[in-house]
Amino acid sequence: MKKKVTKVGKRAARTIRLGANRVRATQNLGDGFRRHVLSSVTIAANQIIRIELPAPSDRRVISGGWTITQLTNAFATDSYPETPSLWVLYISNPTNSTRTITPYLITKRR
């Protein structure tokens, strides 16, 4: 897991890159599509985090998503394909509690 800091407006966002070794489960969706469930990461109170979700080498990213613990506010400030093989999520935790994020990635065979 690679960590770095990226500027987001006036705030810094901690970056976590979740490689293939962080995939917990993969589901074949048919027609070359797969859903990958990645290892959970924590986000501190009042923090923005950048999560990089690279596709396996023989695949392209289609979409990314996430779920977060506790039924209170959280926001995806950005969710986009940065390259054909990298999906990026920026998640904001505006609460006073540390929480856990589980990211998901949809890919398609090249």
C-alpha atoms as a PDB file:
ATOM      1  CA  MET A   1       0.000   0.000   0.000  1.00  0.00           C
ATOM      2  CA  LYS A   2       1.541   3.278  -1.155  1.00  0.00           C
ATOM      3  CA  LYS A   3       0.751   6.487   0.755  1.00  0.00           C
ATOM      4  CA  LYS A   4       1.353  10.085  -0.334  1.00  0.00           C
ATOM      5  CA  VAL A   5      -0.221  13.485   0.255  1.00  0.00           C
ATOM      6  CA  THR A   6      -2.100  15.390  -2.474  1.00  0.00           C
ATOM      7  CA  LYS A   7      -3.366  18.984  -2.156  1.00  0.00           C
ATOM      8  CA  VAL A   8      -7.144  19.375  -2.407  1.00  0.00           C
ATOM      9  CA  GLY A   9      -7.976  23.053  -2.353  1.00  0.00           C
ATOM     10  CA  LYS A  10      -6.465  24.305   0.908  1.00  0.00           C
ATOM     11  CA  ARG A  11      -6.551  20.854   2.546  1.00  0.00           C
ATOM     12  CA  ALA A  12      -4.194  17.926   2.091  1.00  0.00           C
ATOM     13  CA  ALA A  13      -5.578  14.522   1.126  1.00  0.00           C
ATOM     14  CA  ARG A  14      -3.826  11.336   2.201  1.00  0.00           C
ATOM     15  CA  THR A  15      -3.423   8.984  -0.770  1.00  0.00           C
ATOM     16  CA  ILE A  16      -3.682   5.219  -0.550  1.00  0.00           C
ATOM     17  CA  ARG A  17      -3.041   3.022  -3.594  1.00  0.00           C
ATOM     18  CA  LEU A  18      -4.689  -0.391  -3.326  1.00  0.00           C
ATOM     19  CA  GLY A  19      -2.937  -2.843  -5.645  1.00  0.00           C
ATOM     20  CA  ALA A  20      -3.886  -6.366  -6.683  1.00  0.00           C
ATOM     21  CA  ASN A  21      -2.559  -7.725  -3.372  1.00  0.00           C
ATOM     22  CA  ARG A  22      -5.366  -5.819  -1.610  1.00  0.00           C
ATOM     23  CA  VAL A  23      -8.255  -7.513  -3.490  1.00  0.00           C
ATOM     24  CA  ARG A  24     -10.367  -9.468  -0.971  1.00  0.00           C
ATOM     25  CA  ALA A  25     -12.831 -10.970  -3.439  1.00  0.00           C
ATOM     26  CA  THR A  26     -13.539 -11.005  -7.163  1.00  0.00           C
ATOM     27  CA  GLN A  27     -16.859 -11.843  -8.766  1.00  0.00           C
ATOM     28  CA  ASN A  28     -17.219 -12.744 -12.444  1.00  0.00           C
ATOM     29  CA  LEU A  29     -20.130 -10.661 -13.797  1.00  0.00           C
ATOM     30  CA  GLY A  30     -20.044 -12.218 -17.289  1.00  0.00           C
ATOM     31  CA  ASP A  31     -18.987 -10.898 -20.711  1.00  0.00           C
ATOM     32  CA  GLY A  32     -15.476 -10.053 -19.427  1.00  0.00           C
ATOM     33  CA  PHE A  33     -16.667  -7.888 -16.513  1.00  0.00           C
ATOM     34  CA  ARG A  34     -15.540  -8.424 -12.904  1.00  0.00           C
ATOM     35  CA  ARG A  35     -16.299  -6.809  -9.561  1.00  0.00           C
ATOM     36  CA  HIS A  36     -13.347  -6.527  -7.164  1.00  0.00           C
ATOM     37  CA  VAL A  37     -13.855  -5.898  -3.435  1.00  0.00           C
ATOM     38  CA  LEU A  38     -10.714  -4.355  -1.959  1.00  0.00           C
ATOM     39  CA  SER A  39      -9.365  -4.279   1.575  1.00  0.00           C
ATOM     40  CA  SER A  40     -10.862  -1.669   3.850  1.00  0.00           C
ATOM     41  CA  VAL A  41      -8.992   1.520   4.742  1.00  0.00           C
ATOM     42  CA  THR A  42      -9.566   3.989   7.554  1.00  0.00           C
ATOM     43  CA  ILE A  43     -10.341   7.656   7.219  1.00  0.00           C
ATOM     44  CA  ALA A  44      -9.760   9.950  10.168  1.00  0.00           C
ATOM     45  CA  ALA A  45     -12.300  12.434  11.473  1.00  0.00           C
ATOM     46  CA  ASN A  46     -12.706  15.538   9.284  1.00  0.00           C
ATOM     47  CA  GLN A  47     -10.350  14.178   6.640  1.00  0.00           C
ATOM     48  CA  ILE A  48     -10.358  13.837   2.860  1.00  0.00           C
ATOM     49  CA  ILE A  49      -8.692  10.724   1.464  1.00  0.00           C
ATOM     50  CA  ARG A  50      -7.658   9.849  -2.121  1.00  0.00           C
ATOM     51  CA  ILE A  51      -7.963   6.147  -2.923  1.00  0.00           C
ATOM     52  CA  GLU A  52      -6.302   4.849  -6.092  1.00  0.00           C
ATOM     53  CA  LEU A  53      -7.748   1.613  -7.492  1.00  0.00           C
ATOM     54  CA  PRO A  54      -5.533   0.177 -10.251  1.00  0.00           C
ATOM     55  CA  ALA A  55      -6.955  -2.539 -12.509  1.00  0.00           C
ATOM     56  CA  PRO A  56      -5.075  -5.821 -12.927  1.00  0.00           C
ATOM     57  CA  SER A  57      -2.694  -5.679 -15.910  1.00  0.00           C
ATOM     58  CA  ASP A  58      -5.036  -7.510 -18.309  1.00  0.00           C
ATOM     59  CA  ARG A  59      -8.086  -5.321 -17.479  1.00  0.00           C
ATOM     60  CA  ARG A  60      -9.509  -1.790 -17.869  1.00  0.00           C
ATOM     61  CA  VAL A  61     -11.448   0.154 -15.228  1.00  0.00           C
ATOM     62  CA  ILE A  62     -15.156   0.716 -15.858  1.00  0.00           C
ATOM     63  CA  SER A  63     -16.399   2.111 -12.542  1.00  0.00           C
ATOM     64  CA  GLY A  64     -15.526   2.427  -8.871  1.00  0.00           C
ATOM     65  CA  GLY A  65     -17.553   2.711  -5.705  1.00  0.00           C
ATOM     66  CA  TRP A  66     -17.339   2.564  -1.943  1.00  0.00           C
ATOM     67  CA  THR A  67     -19.189   2.006   1.291  1.00  0.00           C
ATOM     68  CA  ILE A  68     -18.391   3.529   4.689  1.00  0.00           C
ATOM     69  CA  THR A  69     -19.184   2.555   8.280  1.00  0.00           C
ATOM     70  CA  GLN A  70     -21.710   4.452  10.420  1.00  0.00           C
ATOM     71  CA  LEU A  71     -24.916   5.855   9.016  1.00  0.00           C
ATOM     72  CA  THR A  72     -23.839   9.503   9.004  1.00  0.00           C
ATOM     73  CA  ASN A  73     -22.629  11.923   6.331  1.00  0.00           C
ATOM     74  CA  ALA A  74     -19.753  11.098   4.000  1.00  0.00           C
ATOM     75  CA  PHE A  75     -19.151  12.403   0.497  1.00  0.00           C
ATOM     76  CA  ALA A  76     -17.378  11.305  -2.642  1.00  0.00           C
ATOM     77  CA  THR A  77     -16.009  14.649  -3.801  1.00  0.00           C
ATOM     78  CA  ASP A  78     -14.623  12.956  -6.941  1.00  0.00           C
ATOM     79  CA  SER A  79     -14.860   9.516  -8.543  1.00  0.00           C
ATOM     80  CA  TYR A  80     -13.315   9.127 -11.992  1.00  0.00           C
ATOM     81  CA  PRO A  81     -11.020   7.096 -14.284  1.00  0.00           C
ATOM     82  CA  GLU A  82      -7.644   8.889 -14.168  1.00  0.00           C
ATOM     83  CA  THR A  83      -6.274   6.533 -16.845  1.00  0.00           C
ATOM     84  CA  PRO A  84      -7.765   3.493 -18.609  1.00  0.00           C
ATOM     85  CA  SER A  85      -6.292   1.330 -15.840  1.00  0.00           C
ATOM     86  CA  LEU A  86      -6.712   3.556 -12.713  1.00  0.00           C
ATOM     87  CA  TRP A  87      -9.913   4.597 -10.910  1.00  0.00           C
ATOM     88  CA  VAL A  88      -9.633   7.393  -8.298  1.00  0.00           C
ATOM     89  CA  LEU A  89     -11.966   8.158  -5.394  1.00  0.00           C
ATOM     90  CA  TYR A  90     -11.792  11.238  -3.150  1.00  0.00           C
ATOM     91  CA  ILE A  91     -13.831  10.604   0.009  1.00  0.00           C
ATOM     92  CA  SER A  92     -14.617  13.231   2.644  1.00  0.00           C
ATOM     93  CA  ASN A  93     -15.441  12.263   6.234  1.00  0.00           C
ATOM     94  CA  PRO A  94     -16.965  15.413   7.790  1.00  0.00           C
ATOM     95  CA  THR A  95     -17.701  13.708  11.114  1.00  0.00           C
ATOM     96  CA  ASN A  96     -15.723  13.662  14.355  1.00  0.00           C
ATOM     97  CA  SER A  97     -15.218   9.872  14.144  1.00  0.00           C
ATOM     98  CA  THR A  98     -12.656   7.668  12.431  1.00  0.00           C
ATOM     99  CA  ARG A  99     -14.454   5.427   9.925  1.00  0.00           C
ATOM    100  CA  THR A 100     -13.745   2.495   7.614  1.00  0.00           C
ATOM    101  CA  ILE A 101     -14.135   2.605   3.813  1.00  0.00           C
ATOM    102  CA  THR A 102     -14.482  -0.498   1.626  1.00  0.00           C
ATOM    103  CA  PRO A 103     -13.772   0.298  -2.050  1.00  0.00           C
ATOM    104  CA  TYR A 104     -15.151  -1.595  -5.060  1.00  0.00           C
ATOM    105  CA  LEU A 105     -13.875  -1.666  -8.637  1.00  0.00           C
ATOM    106  CA  ILE A 106     -15.602  -2.847 -11.826  1.00  0.00           C
ATOM    107  CA  THR A 107     -13.223  -3.894 -14.612  1.00  0.00           C
ATOM    108  CA  LYS A 108     -13.467  -5.374 -18.098  1.00  0.00           C
ATOM    109  CA  ARG A 109     -11.075  -7.680 -19.895  1.00  0.00           C
ATOM    110  CA  ARG A 110      -8.967  -5.896 -22.561  1.00  0.00           C
END
